[in-house]
Protein backbone atom coordinates (compact mmCIF):
# COMPACT_ATOMS: atom_id res chain seq x y z
CA UNK A 1 14.31 -4.58 16.05
CA UNK A 2 14.81 -0.89 15.42
CA UNK A 3 16.26 1.82 17.13
CA UNK A 4 13.23 3.44 18.40
CA UNK A 5 13.50 4.87 21.99
CA UNK A 6 10.59 3.26 23.81
CA UNK A 7 11.10 5.89 26.75
CA UNK A 8 10.45 8.80 24.52
CA UNK A 9 6.62 9.11 23.93
CA UNK A 10 5.60 10.38 20.20
CA UNK A 11 2.79 12.67 19.76
CA UNK A 12 0.69 11.00 16.91
CA UNK A 13 -2.52 12.53 15.06
CA UNK A 14 -4.92 10.51 13.47
CA UNK A 15 -7.25 12.39 10.85
CA UNK A 16 -10.35 10.11 10.17
CA UNK A 17 -12.25 11.71 7.30
CA UNK A 18 -15.53 9.84 7.83
CA UNK A 19 -19.00 9.82 6.42
CA UNK A 20 -20.39 12.08 9.44
CA UNK A 21 -17.45 13.94 10.60
CA UNK A 22 -13.77 15.06 10.10
CA UNK A 23 -12.13 14.12 13.41
CA UNK A 24 -8.49 14.62 14.43
CA UNK A 25 -7.17 12.89 17.38
CA UNK A 26 -4.13 13.51 19.04
CA UNK A 27 -2.42 11.43 21.52
CA UNK A 28 0.68 10.83 23.35
CA UNK A 29 2.02 7.03 23.00
CA UNK A 30 4.87 4.63 22.72
CA UNK A 31 4.92 0.82 22.05
CA UNK A 32 3.31 -1.25 24.88
CA UNK A 33 1.48 1.62 26.57
CA UNK A 34 -1.84 2.97 26.57
CA UNK A 35 -2.28 6.07 24.24
CA UNK A 36 -3.00 9.12 26.12
CA UNK A 37 -5.35 11.71 24.41
CA UNK A 38 -3.83 15.17 24.21
CA UNK A 39 -6.58 17.14 22.35
CA UNK A 40 -9.31 16.22 19.66
CA UNK A 41 -10.73 18.49 16.81
CA UNK A 42 -14.12 17.50 15.04
CA UNK A 43 -16.15 19.19 12.11
CA UNK A 44 -19.43 17.66 11.33
CA UNK A 45 -19.40 17.60 7.77
CA UNK A 46 -21.86 14.67 6.49
CA UNK A 47 -20.36 13.75 2.94
CA UNK A 48 -23.13 11.48 2.19
CA UNK A 49 -25.29 14.42 1.84
CA UNK A 50 -22.98 16.11 -0.69
CA UNK A 51 -23.46 13.15 -3.14
CA UNK A 52 -25.28 13.72 -6.25
CA UNK A 53 -26.97 11.44 -8.78
CA UNK A 54 -24.15 9.84 -10.01
CA UNK A 55 -22.83 9.21 -6.76
CA UNK A 56 -19.99 11.75 -6.96
CA UNK A 57 -19.15 14.57 -4.11
CA UNK A 58 -20.16 17.42 -5.39
CA UNK A 59 -17.97 20.81 -5.92
CA UNK A 60 -19.31 22.13 -2.62
CA UNK A 61 -18.72 19.13 -0.72
CA UNK A 62 -15.11 18.94 -2.15
CA UNK A 63 -14.41 22.46 -1.20
CA UNK A 64 -16.03 22.20 2.31
CA UNK A 65 -13.71 18.90 2.53
CA UNK A 66 -10.67 20.70 1.73
CA UNK A 67 -11.36 23.43 4.11
CA UNK A 68 -12.13 20.92 6.98
CA UNK A 69 -8.83 19.04 6.32
CA UNK A 70 -6.90 22.33 5.92
CA UNK A 71 -7.97 23.38 9.55
CA UNK A 72 -7.27 20.20 11.19
CA UNK A 73 -3.70 19.90 9.84
CA UNK A 74 -3.33 23.21 11.23
CA UNK A 75 -4.45 21.91 14.67
CA UNK A 76 -2.22 19.15 14.41
CA UNK A 77 0.79 21.17 13.96
CA UNK A 78 -0.36 23.75 16.46
CA UNK A 79 -0.55 20.64 18.77
CA UNK A 80 3.01 19.44 18.03
CA UNK A 81 1.86 16.30 16.15
CA UNK A 82 5.25 14.32 14.84
CA UNK A 83 3.64 11.85 12.93
CA UNK A 84 0.09 12.10 11.05
CA UNK A 85 -2.11 9.13 9.97
CA UNK A 86 -4.88 10.37 7.47
CA UNK A 87 -7.53 7.91 6.32
CA UNK A 88 -11.01 8.03 4.90
CA UNK A 89 -13.74 5.50 5.11
CA UNK A 90 -16.84 4.69 3.27
CA UNK A 91 -18.02 8.01 1.64
CA UNK A 92 -14.89 8.89 -0.08
CA UNK A 93 -14.41 4.75 -0.50
CA UNK A 94 -17.51 4.79 -2.63
CA UNK A 95 -17.78 7.79 -4.28
CA UNK A 96 -17.69 7.84 -7.84
CA UNK A 97 -15.20 10.52 -8.14
CA UNK A 98 -13.23 9.54 -4.78
CA UNK A 99 -10.06 9.16 -6.30
CA UNK A 100 -10.04 12.69 -8.05
CA UNK A 101 -11.25 14.33 -4.70
CA UNK A 102 -8.32 12.57 -2.92
CA UNK A 103 -5.90 14.05 -5.28
CA UNK A 104 -7.19 17.36 -4.95
CA UNK A 105 -6.92 17.06 -1.22
CA UNK A 106 -3.25 16.18 -1.62
CA UNK A 107 -2.70 18.92 -3.92
CA UNK A 108 -4.23 21.44 -1.70
CA UNK A 109 -3.24 20.49 1.72
CA UNK A 110 -0.43 17.90 1.12
CA UNK A 111 -2.26 15.50 3.01
CA UNK A 112 -2.07 12.05 1.53
CA UNK A 113 -5.65 10.34 2.76
CA UNK A 114 -5.20 6.74 2.59
CA UNK A 115 -8.74 4.80 1.96
CA UNK A 116 -9.53 2.03 4.06
CA UNK A 117 -11.19 -0.86 2.80
CA UNK A 118 -14.43 -2.07 4.54
CA UNK A 119 -12.91 -5.08 5.84
CA UNK A 120 -9.67 -3.16 7.10
CA UNK A 121 -12.05 -0.63 8.96
CA UNK A 122 -13.69 -3.49 10.76
CA UNK A 123 -10.37 -5.23 11.67
CA UNK A 124 -8.69 -2.00 13.14
CA UNK A 125 -11.74 -1.32 15.01
CA UNK A 126 -11.64 -4.96 16.28
CA UNK A 127 -8.04 -4.64 17.23
CA UNK A 128 -9.04 -1.50 19.46
CA UNK A 129 -11.76 -3.32 21.13
CA UNK A 130 -9.79 -6.43 21.69
CA UNK A 131 -6.97 -4.27 23.34
CA UNK A 132 -9.48 -2.67 25.50
CA UNK A 133 -11.22 -5.58 26.93
CA UNK A 134 -8.50 -8.08 26.86
CA UNK A 135 -7.98 -11.62 26.46
CA UNK A 136 -10.46 -12.50 28.98
CA UNK A 137 -13.48 -11.65 26.34
CA UNK A 138 -12.78 -14.82 24.60
CA UNK A 139 -14.62 -15.07 21.25
CA UNK A 140 -15.64 -11.48 20.88
CA UNK A 141 -18.22 -9.71 18.69
CA UNK A 142 -17.82 -6.25 17.72
CA UNK A 143 -20.36 -3.94 16.14
CA UNK A 144 -19.79 -0.44 14.88
CA UNK A 145 -22.47 1.84 13.39
CA UNK A 146 -20.88 4.89 11.41
CA UNK A 147 -22.18 7.46 9.15
CA UNK A 148 -21.87 5.18 6.00
CA UNK A 149 -21.44 1.52 7.12
CA UNK A 150 -21.80 -0.94 9.49
CA UNK A 151 -18.67 -3.07 10.56
CA UNK A 152 -18.87 -6.40 12.10
CA UNK A 153 -15.85 -8.50 13.01
CA UNK A 154 -15.71 -11.40 15.49
CA UNK A 155 -12.85 -13.64 16.69
CA UNK A 156 -10.62 -14.98 19.25
CA UNK A 157 -7.50 -13.03 18.59
CA UNK A 158 -6.52 -9.52 17.63
CA UNK A 159 -7.03 -10.45 13.92
CA UNK A 160 -10.57 -11.20 13.63
CA UNK A 161 -11.60 -14.42 11.65
CA UNK A 162 -14.76 -12.51 10.36
CA UNK A 163 -14.59 -8.87 9.21
CA UNK A 164 -17.35 -7.56 7.27
CA UNK A 165 -18.55 -4.09 6.25
CA UNK A 166 -22.12 -3.45 4.94
CA UNK A 167 -23.68 -0.15 3.46
CA UNK A 168 -26.02 0.23 6.67
CA UNK A 169 -24.72 3.57 8.11
CA UNK A 170 -26.82 5.66 10.00
CA UNK A 171 -26.58 8.62 7.88
CA UNK A 172 -26.61 6.99 4.39
CA UNK A 173 -29.91 5.00 5.49
CA UNK A 174 -31.48 8.27 6.60
CA UNK A 175 -30.59 10.00 3.32
CA UNK A 176 -31.43 7.33 0.97
CA UNK A 177 -34.64 5.64 2.58
CA UNK A 178 -36.64 8.26 5.27
CA UNK A 179 -38.26 11.28 4.92
CA UNK A 180 -40.78 13.42 6.79
CA UNK A 181 -40.66 14.51 10.41
CA UNK A 182 -41.64 12.19 11.90
CA UNK A 183 -40.53 9.60 9.42
CA UNK A 184 -43.05 7.83 7.17
CA UNK A 185 -43.90 4.83 8.63
CA UNK A 186 -44.15 2.89 5.37
CA UNK A 187 -40.52 3.93 4.66
CA UNK A 188 -39.50 2.80 7.91
CA UNK A 189 -40.78 -0.80 7.44
CA UNK A 190 -39.19 -0.99 4.12
CA UNK A 191 -36.00 0.06 5.69
CA UNK A 192 -36.18 -2.45 8.52
CA UNK A 193 -36.67 -5.25 5.69
CA UNK A 194 -33.71 -4.13 3.63
CA UNK A 195 -31.56 -3.88 7.00
CA UNK A 196 -32.58 -7.59 7.79
CA UNK A 197 -31.59 -8.93 4.37
CA UNK A 198 -28.13 -7.35 4.35
CA UNK A 199 -27.56 -8.45 7.94
CA UNK A 200 -28.90 -11.95 7.52
CA UNK A 201 -26.12 -12.64 4.79
CA UNK A 202 -23.41 -12.22 7.38
CA UNK A 203 -24.83 -14.07 10.13
CA UNK A 204 -24.01 -17.67 9.13
CA UNK A 205 -20.18 -16.80 9.06
CA UNK A 206 -20.32 -15.04 12.36
CA UNK A 207 -22.03 -17.96 14.24
CA UNK A 208 -20.55 -21.03 12.45
CA UNK A 209 -17.38 -20.82 14.45
CA UNK A 210 -19.09 -21.02 17.89
CA UNK A 211 -20.86 -19.28 20.70
CA UNK A 212 -19.86 -15.47 21.47
CA UNK A 213 -18.45 -14.75 24.73
CA UNK A 214 -18.57 -10.96 24.78
CA UNK A 215 -20.56 -9.01 22.60
CA UNK A 216 -19.15 -5.30 22.28
CA UNK A 217 -20.45 -2.02 20.29
CA UNK A 218 -18.45 1.00 19.44
CA UNK A 219 -19.36 4.28 17.67
CA UNK A 220 -21.20 7.73 18.55
CA UNK A 221 -24.38 5.99 17.46
CA UNK A 222 -24.22 3.15 20.01
CA UNK A 223 -22.98 5.42 22.54
CA UNK A 224 -26.21 7.39 21.95
CA UNK A 225 -28.49 4.50 22.12
CA UNK A 226 -26.91 3.25 25.21
CA UNK A 227 -27.52 6.44 27.11
CA UNK A 228 -31.01 6.84 25.77
CA UNK A 229 -31.67 3.43 27.43
CA UNK A 230 -30.14 4.31 30.53
CA UNK A 231 -26.41 4.15 30.47
CA UNK A 232 -24.16 6.35 32.37
CA UNK A 233 -23.09 9.77 30.73
CA UNK A 234 -19.56 10.29 29.14
CA UNK A 235 -18.88 12.67 32.06
CA UNK A 236 -18.73 9.43 34.12
CA UNK A 237 -15.45 8.65 32.70
CA UNK A 238 -14.33 5.69 30.26
CA UNK A 239 -14.12 3.11 32.60
CA UNK A 240 -17.64 2.62 33.83
CA UNK A 241 -19.35 -0.26 32.26
CA UNK A 242 -22.00 0.66 29.75
CA UNK A 243 -24.42 -1.71 28.34
CA UNK A 244 -27.18 -1.65 25.57
CA UNK A 245 -29.82 -4.02 26.59
CA UNK A 246 -31.69 -5.54 23.68
CA UNK A 247 -35.14 -5.58 25.52
CA UNK A 248 -34.75 -1.82 26.41
CA UNK A 249 -33.75 -1.10 23.03
CA UNK A 250 -37.03 -2.68 21.58
CA UNK A 251 -39.02 -0.70 23.91
CA UNK A 252 -37.50 2.49 22.75
CA UNK A 253 -37.51 2.09 18.78
CA UNK A 254 -41.39 2.54 18.35
CA UNK A 255 -40.82 5.76 20.51
CA UNK A 256 -37.80 7.08 18.67
CA UNK A 257 -39.70 6.35 15.26
CA UNK A 258 -42.78 8.34 16.28
CA UNK A 259 -40.69 11.37 17.67
CA UNK A 260 -39.80 14.44 15.49
CA UNK A 261 -35.87 15.38 14.81
CA UNK A 262 -36.39 18.05 17.50
CA UNK A 263 -37.94 15.73 19.97
CA UNK A 264 -34.88 13.33 19.41
CA UNK A 265 -32.49 16.13 19.85
CA UNK A 266 -33.60 16.70 23.45
CA UNK A 267 -32.83 13.13 24.44
CA UNK A 268 -29.72 12.65 26.72
CA UNK A 269 -26.82 11.75 24.81
CA UNK A 270 -28.02 12.95 21.56
CA UNK A 271 -26.62 16.03 19.51
CA UNK A 272 -28.94 18.20 17.25
CA UNK A 273 -26.78 17.11 14.34
CA UNK A 274 -27.16 13.26 14.85
CA UNK A 275 -31.04 13.52 15.85
CA UNK A 276 -32.10 12.93 12.31
CA UNK A 277 -29.99 9.64 11.92
CA UNK A 278 -30.79 7.95 15.07
CA UNK A 279 -33.88 6.22 13.84
CA UNK A 280 -31.89 4.40 11.40
CA UNK A 281 -29.01 3.61 13.53
CA UNK A 282 -31.53 2.28 16.13
CA UNK A 283 -33.04 -0.06 13.44
CA UNK A 284 -29.74 -1.36 12.44
CA UNK A 285 -28.82 -2.09 16.10
CA UNK A 286 -31.85 -3.75 17.01
CA UNK A 287 -31.96 -5.91 13.97
CA UNK A 288 -28.46 -6.80 14.28
CA UNK A 289 -28.75 -7.71 17.94
CA UNK A 290 -31.89 -9.86 16.90
CA UNK A 291 -30.32 -11.63 14.13
CA UNK A 292 -27.02 -12.27 16.12
CA UNK A 293 -28.94 -13.47 19.18
CA UNK A 294 -27.29 -10.63 21.31
CA UNK A 295 -28.84 -9.76 24.67
CA UNK A 296 -26.79 -6.84 25.64
CA UNK A 297 -23.69 -5.21 24.06
CA UNK A 298 -21.28 -3.61 26.16
CA UNK A 299 -20.08 -0.05 24.79
CA UNK A 300 -16.09 0.46 24.10
CA UNK A 301 -14.68 3.85 24.25
CA UNK A 302 -12.32 2.85 21.50
CA UNK A 303 -12.89 2.52 17.89
CA UNK A 304 -11.13 2.74 14.52
CA UNK A 305 -9.17 5.75 15.32
CA UNK A 306 -7.50 4.02 18.32
CA UNK A 307 -7.02 0.86 16.26
CA UNK A 308 -5.07 2.83 13.89
CA UNK A 309 -2.89 4.24 16.54
CA UNK A 310 -2.32 0.91 17.99
CA UNK A 311 -1.21 -0.84 14.83
CA UNK A 312 1.17 2.20 14.21
CA UNK A 313 2.39 1.69 17.47
CA UNK A 314 3.07 -2.07 16.78
CA UNK A 315 5.03 -1.24 13.80
CA UNK A 316 7.02 1.50 15.41
CA UNK A 317 8.12 -1.57 18.05
CA UNK A 318 9.23 -3.94 15.42
């Protein structure tokens, strides 16, 4: 065992450079205790929208990324962060110039971004969900729709026996496959076929081990969909159970598809910045629930950032 003082909480910061947002989460935590949020800083950058025809992040996207990370770093310092964990997900992971952009970020800000592989993104998110709901959940299924990818993980333990990442993020699919306002219905039908083929490839692996005892979802997309479908607002607190029911979602999907972007932005739990990608996210959620035979998903307030924090705390306690 190390010499870490368990009685002294440490202020940790997690800087998540995702496909939709750059998000700094600051918590006070120590091994064996629940991380307590101290502050949060978020910029909606949408890196996927700064990819050129070669799949490279544009110079403008790189500039905005560096500026946003530098500001997040200042926020971390101002809030007394002792240990900053910085990572990037699918947008930088898949950009053809991702390594060069990450090197530029380090040169300009001294932030060393660690790129998470897709299966690790699924694993860390699953860890957070498992810790939130506990062992009584049995064999648990976790779904997470981000801006660039869909993570699916399943298992009995804290380490899932299935951890998969698919290129089915809500923003990615919108940028690459949908146009119009409302969206072109022919494009929507074609996108549904693509989503179905991608998810169908993972279904046998998820279902071969046995039945699912508890199906869980996390991410802003799922929270928004649950809110539209009748779940309690975030102001009710993190401990209020929230469900996304498949039959209710099925009723909402054609309505969401027929709406304009402005109309969707007026729905409860939907920000103007995410209104455009909500349809793609709803299609992914609907098809995943259908193919995996899930009647309802319980929404978890913890996700990838919390999973990173929990794993760091585990290492501190060793």
